[in-house]
Amino acid sequence: MERHILSKSTFIRGNQCLKSLYLNKKRPFLRDKLSPEKLAIFRRGTRIGKLAQQLFPGGIDMSPKSPSQFQKRVLETTEIIRQKNHNTLYEAVFQYDQLLIMLDILQHTDGAWYGYEVKSSVKISDTYLLDAAFQYYVISNSGLPLKDMFLVYVNKDYAFEDEIELNELFVFESVLSRVLDLQDYIQQKVAEEKTALMRTSSPEIEVGPHCLDPYPCDFIGHCWKNVEDKSLLEKDQSSFNEQFYDFLDKINRL
């Protein structure tokens, strides 16, 4: 099996900025150092994902231990689905057309397969929908029809006490209809991003608000080094920290 070109995270990166996608692949040494805030966000996401798995007990973890195991896990995931000897898979790995994804939770129930993507957020964003749509695109084109696709996120009204009530902590929202509406867009963007990665130099893209939306890019230090007016960056970072720490305080109590 050939190696993948795009993963879910790099697809989302390319949707935000093709230059960032190119630099991530061809010039990773230009990436900014990971900040403590971003590292904490990643850890928070992992923690929330593990909690959500407890709502689907008895699953098998398909997480690759290293990038060298990606293709192996794809084959193993396919075989487990074929044999139907496990009803629940964590981090199920699929690949199609050099696109790789790992779905947080895949469950077989009532004769059908359901997909669940977990987010450490209190609401659904356009980016999360695009994330789910990309995963659905890869899974469905790999030959596995999903009966439904859910985004799982944190209940903003949950009372953070010592005892965790998982059924109250998480909100399950079906996004299948919206995901289906995005399939043509996914196909178009995949082609665009693959073309960008074939370039011999990075795309010429000016800096701007897209550098921060939906996520602060980790090549800002490189792309903004000659920009005199950095007020946009300073304003965004201040707002980001305020929102981040407010929610993190609650999550850390879990």
Protein backbone atom coordinates (compact mmCIF):
# COMPACT_ATOMS: atom_id res chain seq x y z
CA MET A 1 0.00 0.00 0.00
CA GLU A 2 1.35 3.40 -0.97
CA ARG A 3 1.99 6.02 1.70
CA HIS A 4 -0.57 8.74 2.27
CA ILE A 5 -0.13 12.34 1.11
CA LEU A 6 -2.82 14.02 3.22
CA SER A 7 -4.14 13.27 6.67
CA LYS A 8 -7.12 14.87 8.35
CA SER A 9 -4.96 17.48 10.07
CA THR A 10 -2.99 18.38 6.95
CA PHE A 11 -6.19 18.58 4.91
CA ILE A 12 -7.62 21.08 7.41
CA ARG A 13 -4.31 22.97 7.33
CA GLY A 14 -4.45 23.16 3.54
CA ASN A 15 -8.03 24.35 3.62
CA GLN A 16 -6.87 27.23 5.80
CA CYS A 17 -3.75 28.03 3.77
CA LEU A 18 -2.02 26.19 0.93
CA LYS A 19 1.28 27.85 1.81
CA SER A 20 1.09 26.46 5.34
CA LEU A 21 0.36 23.02 3.90
CA TYR A 22 3.38 23.25 1.59
CA LEU A 23 5.75 24.48 4.32
CA ASN A 24 4.53 21.79 6.71
CA LYS A 25 5.47 19.12 4.16
CA LYS A 26 8.55 20.61 2.52
CA ARG A 27 9.99 23.08 5.08
CA PRO A 28 9.01 21.77 8.54
CA PHE A 29 12.13 23.28 10.11
CA LEU A 30 10.53 26.71 9.68
CA ARG A 31 7.68 25.81 12.03
CA ASP A 32 7.26 27.84 15.21
CA LYS A 33 8.07 26.23 18.53
CA LEU A 34 5.03 24.64 20.13
CA SER A 35 3.72 26.96 22.85
CA PRO A 36 2.60 25.68 26.28
CA GLU A 37 -0.93 26.81 25.45
CA LYS A 38 -1.11 24.75 22.27
CA LEU A 39 0.47 21.76 23.99
CA ALA A 40 -2.17 21.97 26.72
CA ILE A 41 -4.90 22.04 24.05
CA PHE A 42 -3.55 18.84 22.48
CA ARG A 43 -3.43 17.14 25.88
CA ARG A 44 -6.94 18.31 26.66
CA GLY A 45 -8.18 16.82 23.40
CA THR A 46 -6.54 13.48 24.17
CA ARG A 47 -8.07 13.46 27.65
CA ILE A 48 -11.57 14.19 26.35
CA GLY A 49 -11.22 11.53 23.66
CA LYS A 50 -10.30 8.90 26.23
CA LEU A 51 -13.27 9.87 28.38
CA ALA A 52 -15.63 9.52 25.43
CA GLN A 53 -14.33 6.01 24.75
CA GLN A 54 -15.74 4.93 28.10
CA LEU A 55 -19.23 5.41 26.65
CA PHE A 56 -18.32 2.63 24.19
CA PRO A 57 -16.65 0.00 26.42
CA GLY A 58 -14.90 -3.09 25.18
CA GLY A 59 -13.45 -1.59 22.03
CA ILE A 60 -10.11 -2.41 20.42
CA ASP A 61 -7.53 0.35 20.07
CA MET A 62 -6.17 0.62 16.53
CA SER A 63 -3.86 3.58 17.23
CA PRO A 64 -0.59 3.26 15.29
CA LYS A 65 2.43 3.33 17.60
CA SER A 66 4.45 5.17 14.97
CA PRO A 67 3.98 6.54 11.41
CA SER A 68 5.56 3.36 10.07
CA GLN A 69 2.47 1.43 11.26
CA PHE A 70 -0.14 3.51 9.42
CA GLN A 71 -0.58 1.18 6.46
CA LYS A 72 -0.47 -1.88 8.69
CA ARG A 73 -3.28 -0.49 10.81
CA VAL A 74 -5.32 0.28 7.69
CA LEU A 75 -5.17 -3.39 6.70
CA GLU A 76 -5.93 -4.55 10.24
CA THR A 77 -8.91 -2.22 10.51
CA THR A 78 -10.26 -3.50 7.19
CA GLU A 79 -9.87 -7.11 8.31
CA ILE A 80 -11.59 -6.56 11.66
CA ILE A 81 -14.54 -4.92 9.88
CA ARG A 82 -14.70 -7.78 7.38
CA GLN A 83 -14.70 -10.45 10.08
CA LYS A 84 -17.05 -8.47 12.37
CA ASN A 85 -15.29 -9.88 15.43
CA HIS A 86 -15.25 -6.51 17.21
CA ASN A 87 -18.18 -4.12 17.44
CA THR A 88 -16.21 -1.10 18.58
CA LEU A 89 -12.90 0.28 17.32
CA TYR A 90 -11.00 3.23 18.75
CA GLU A 91 -8.90 5.23 16.28
CA ALA A 92 -9.94 3.08 13.33
CA VAL A 93 -7.52 3.75 10.45
CA PHE A 94 -8.69 4.16 6.85
CA GLN A 95 -6.89 5.16 3.66
CA TYR A 96 -8.24 6.08 0.24
CA ASP A 97 -6.55 7.81 -2.68
CA GLN A 98 -3.51 8.59 -0.49
CA LEU A 99 -5.74 10.17 2.16
CA LEU A 100 -5.42 8.84 5.71
CA ILE A 101 -7.76 9.27 8.66
CA MET A 102 -8.15 7.86 12.17
CA LEU A 103 -11.74 7.94 13.41
CA ASP A 104 -12.11 8.38 17.16
CA ILE A 105 -14.83 5.77 17.56
CA LEU A 106 -16.35 3.34 15.05
CA GLN A 107 -19.21 1.19 16.29
CA HIS A 108 -21.24 -1.61 14.75
CA THR A 109 -24.75 -1.88 16.14
CA ASP A 110 -28.11 -3.08 14.81
CA GLY A 111 -26.44 -4.30 11.63
CA ALA A 112 -24.86 -0.95 10.68
CA TRP A 113 -21.69 1.06 11.28
CA TYR A 114 -21.69 4.46 12.99
CA GLY A 115 -18.89 6.99 13.19
CA TYR A 116 -18.13 9.28 16.13
CA GLU A 117 -15.58 12.10 16.15
CA VAL A 118 -14.88 13.62 19.58
CA LYS A 119 -14.06 17.31 20.10
CA SER A 120 -12.90 19.04 23.28
CA SER A 121 -15.16 21.98 22.54
CA VAL A 122 -18.58 23.15 23.66
CA LYS A 123 -20.02 23.69 20.20
CA ILE A 124 -19.75 22.58 16.58
CA SER A 125 -17.75 24.79 14.24
CA ASP A 126 -17.53 24.85 10.45
CA THR A 127 -14.04 23.37 10.77
CA TYR A 128 -15.33 20.44 12.80
CA LEU A 129 -17.95 19.77 10.12
CA LEU A 130 -15.24 19.85 7.46
CA ASP A 131 -13.17 17.50 9.62
CA ALA A 132 -16.07 15.04 9.84
CA ALA A 133 -16.80 15.40 6.12
CA PHE A 134 -13.20 14.55 5.22
CA GLN A 135 -13.33 11.46 7.41
CA TYR A 136 -16.64 10.38 5.91
CA TYR A 137 -15.21 10.90 2.42
CA VAL A 138 -12.27 8.58 3.12
CA ILE A 139 -14.30 5.94 4.97
CA SER A 140 -17.15 5.76 2.48
CA ASN A 141 -14.81 5.63 -0.52
CA SER A 142 -12.85 2.90 1.24
CA GLY A 143 -15.97 0.76 0.91
CA LEU A 144 -17.55 1.09 4.36
CA PRO A 145 -21.00 2.73 4.35
CA LEU A 146 -21.77 4.61 7.56
CA LYS A 147 -25.35 4.66 8.79
CA ASP A 148 -24.69 7.94 10.58
CA MET A 149 -21.88 10.30 11.54
CA PHE A 150 -21.78 12.09 14.87
CA LEU A 151 -19.77 14.90 16.37
CA VAL A 152 -19.35 14.44 20.10
CA TYR A 153 -18.54 17.52 22.17
CA VAL A 154 -18.64 18.84 25.73
CA ASN A 155 -21.93 19.96 27.24
CA LYS A 156 -21.44 23.64 28.07
CA ASP A 157 -24.01 23.37 30.86
CA TYR A 158 -22.32 20.42 32.54
CA ALA A 159 -21.64 20.95 36.25
CA PHE A 160 -18.01 19.98 36.83
CA GLU A 161 -18.08 17.97 40.06
CA ASP A 162 -15.77 15.31 41.49
CA GLU A 163 -17.85 12.47 40.11
CA ILE A 164 -17.96 12.38 36.32
CA GLU A 165 -21.31 11.66 34.69
CA LEU A 166 -20.23 10.80 31.16
CA ASN A 167 -23.77 10.64 29.79
CA GLU A 168 -24.25 14.25 30.86
CA LEU A 169 -20.76 15.49 29.99
CA PHE A 170 -21.06 14.80 26.25
CA VAL A 171 -23.45 15.95 23.56
CA PHE A 172 -24.00 13.73 20.51
CA GLU A 173 -25.08 15.49 17.34
CA SER A 174 -25.72 13.81 14.02
CA VAL A 175 -24.01 15.70 11.20
CA LEU A 176 -24.59 13.23 8.37
CA SER A 177 -26.73 15.49 6.19
CA ARG A 178 -24.24 18.36 6.46
CA VAL A 179 -21.33 16.01 5.85
CA LEU A 180 -22.97 14.67 2.70
CA ASP A 181 -23.44 18.22 1.42
CA LEU A 182 -19.68 18.78 1.73
CA GLN A 183 -18.51 15.73 -0.24
CA ASP A 184 -18.05 17.56 -3.56
CA TYR A 185 -16.14 20.32 -1.78
CA ILE A 186 -13.87 17.74 -0.13
CA GLN A 187 -13.08 16.18 -3.50
CA GLN A 188 -12.29 19.58 -4.98
CA LYS A 189 -10.06 20.64 -2.10
CA VAL A 190 -8.19 17.34 -2.06
CA ALA A 191 -7.24 17.85 -5.71
CA GLU A 192 -6.20 21.44 -5.01
CA GLU A 193 -4.05 20.48 -2.04
CA LYS A 194 -2.35 17.62 -3.86
CA THR A 195 -1.50 20.00 -6.69
CA ALA A 196 -0.02 22.49 -4.21
CA LEU A 197 2.21 19.79 -2.73
CA MET A 198 3.61 19.01 -6.18
CA ARG A 199 4.97 22.55 -6.57
CA THR A 200 8.72 23.23 -6.52
CA SER A 201 8.20 26.33 -4.39
CA SER A 202 5.63 27.46 -1.86
CA PRO A 203 2.44 29.19 -3.09
CA GLU A 204 2.53 32.99 -3.01
CA ILE A 205 -0.07 33.83 -0.38
CA GLU A 206 -0.13 37.12 1.51
CA VAL A 207 -0.50 37.14 5.28
CA GLY A 208 -3.85 38.13 6.74
CA PRO A 209 -6.71 37.05 9.02
CA HIS A 210 -6.59 33.54 7.53
CA CYS A 211 -3.28 33.04 9.38
CA LEU A 212 -5.34 32.88 12.58
CA ASP A 213 -8.62 31.39 11.42
CA PRO A 214 -9.65 28.79 12.34
CA TYR A 215 -6.31 28.16 14.12
CA PRO A 216 -3.19 30.25 14.68
CA CYS A 217 -0.75 28.91 12.07
CA ASP A 218 2.55 27.53 13.30
CA PHE A 219 4.43 29.27 10.47
CA ILE A 220 3.49 32.77 11.61
CA GLY A 221 7.06 33.40 12.78
CA HIS A 222 8.28 32.73 9.24
CA CYS A 223 5.55 34.40 7.19
CA TRP A 224 5.16 37.48 9.41
CA LYS A 225 8.84 38.17 10.08
CA ASN A 226 8.94 41.16 7.72
CA VAL A 227 5.49 42.49 8.57
CA GLU A 228 5.71 45.69 10.59
CA ASP A 229 2.10 45.90 11.80
CA LYS A 230 1.47 42.81 13.94
CA SER A 231 -1.54 44.21 15.81
CA LEU A 232 -3.79 41.53 14.33
CA LEU A 233 -1.66 38.80 15.90
CA GLU A 234 -1.52 40.49 19.28
CA LYS A 235 -5.28 41.05 19.39
CA ASP A 236 -6.10 37.49 18.43
CA GLN A 237 -3.68 35.95 20.88
CA SER A 238 -5.14 37.95 23.77
CA SER A 239 -8.67 36.84 22.92
CA PHE A 240 -7.56 33.26 22.39
CA ASN A 241 -5.85 33.03 25.78
CA GLU A 242 -8.89 34.42 27.60
CA GLN A 243 -11.23 31.85 26.07
CA PHE A 244 -8.73 29.04 26.43
CA TYR A 245 -7.95 29.45 30.11
CA ASP A 246 -11.60 29.83 31.09
CA PHE A 247 -12.48 26.46 29.57
CA LEU A 248 -9.23 24.75 30.55
CA ASP A 249 -9.88 25.46 34.23
CA LYS A 250 -13.04 23.38 33.99
CA ILE A 251 -11.54 20.55 31.97
CA ASN A 252 -8.62 20.17 34.38
CA ARG A 253 -11.08 19.36 37.13
CA LEU A 254 -12.08 16.11 35.41
